[in-house]
Amino acid sequence: MNLNNHLIYIDITQICGIGCEFCMYSDKHTIKDHLILTEKAKENISQIINHKEVKRVSVSGEGEPLNNIKAFIEILELSKGGISFEFITSGNINHDKLIEFYKDINNILSKNKDVCNIRLSTDSYHIKKIKYFPHAISLKYFFDHNLQNLTFSFRSIDIDKEFTRNYLKNELSLLNITSNIIINTVLDDKIIINNKSFQIDYKNLVKPVFVKNIKYMTLTEYIQAQEKRYKKDFTLGSMNLYPSSNGIDLTIKPNGDTYFYGIDSVKLGNIHSDNLTIEILKDIINKDKLIYTLHTIPFLKLMDKISINDNIRAMINRANNPYWIIKEIISYDKSLLEKLIEN
């Protein structure tokens, strides 16, 4: 199986003071674990993120990653150059501290010749709970300092498209910044400022039981939209535009446990104690029947395969997100995993 253009997620904290209704990791927030980089962890992460086949390193959290800036800085400093980083955050810290954070990481990025996109949560659930609004001030900082290594984008949820568009335009207007929203697909928009384009991505909802009388994107609609975007069938793994091969989609948890994203039933090892390289991970995908199936068979076809009664169909619909469903299947009936890999 050919794998390339890998996506590496590093979750650096479980601490979060926001608590959005749709959060996939709300059950983790009471654990309050932080990623602390041991020498072994640094060795593993360095080998992985500096591999020539890695397309992006996304640093986030099962909580708010600004609660563990130290780990993010240490990860940036492991770069040997030319890495595309991403930092997913609510941006909920004092504006002076936020700007200082931007200065610090921009200096590291410039030194290493890396880039980093700061991806700011811009849905109504985050906005109503944060004290400091980072969105407009971040773009002002971008233009005021003509940044080359640090960029910004926004993420929201599919039921909040109008809210997100209006919120961004209004916040920017308060700083006398004129903007225009271009609707691209059902999964993304672009906001245009001074001929510069900034991405707005929309995610579908995990366990949307809190949504009442609002039309949200179903699992099938979400996957079909992804297939239209990438021009190929959707499978687990890092999706890349056709005809490029898909890649590894790896997630490292705050305690160091490592999994393929969406397949939390199969622990690959721990960055503090095991040797983990891209070559080892590729070998695991090719040898493990469940993982190989999830990376090669269209996801909707697999869901049809296990949808043998109304209860299972309801469970799949409740989860409503391809990266969450395997976790739900294990809780509901682990034997369904065997059905996934039947010929």
Foldseek 3Di string as FASTA:
>chain_A
DDAFQAEEEEAFWLDADQDFPQQPLNVSNVVTFGADQDPLLLVQLLQAQADPRHQEYEYQHSHFCVVPVVVVVSSLQSYQAAHEYEYEHQLQDDPVVSVVSVVVSLVSCVVRVAAYEYEHEQFPSSVVRGDDHPQQVVVVVCVVVVRDRYHYAYEYALLRPVVRVVVNQVVNVVVVWHWDWADDASFWIWIATPNDTHIYGHDFGFQVPVDDPTDTQFLVNRQVRVCVVQVHFDFQAAGHHPPDHGHFQKYQHNQQFIDGQLCVVDTPDGSVPDRDHRVSVVVCCVPDLLNVLRRPPRPVVLLVQLPPDPVSVVQNRSRRHSSCSLVSCCVVPPCSSVSSRDD
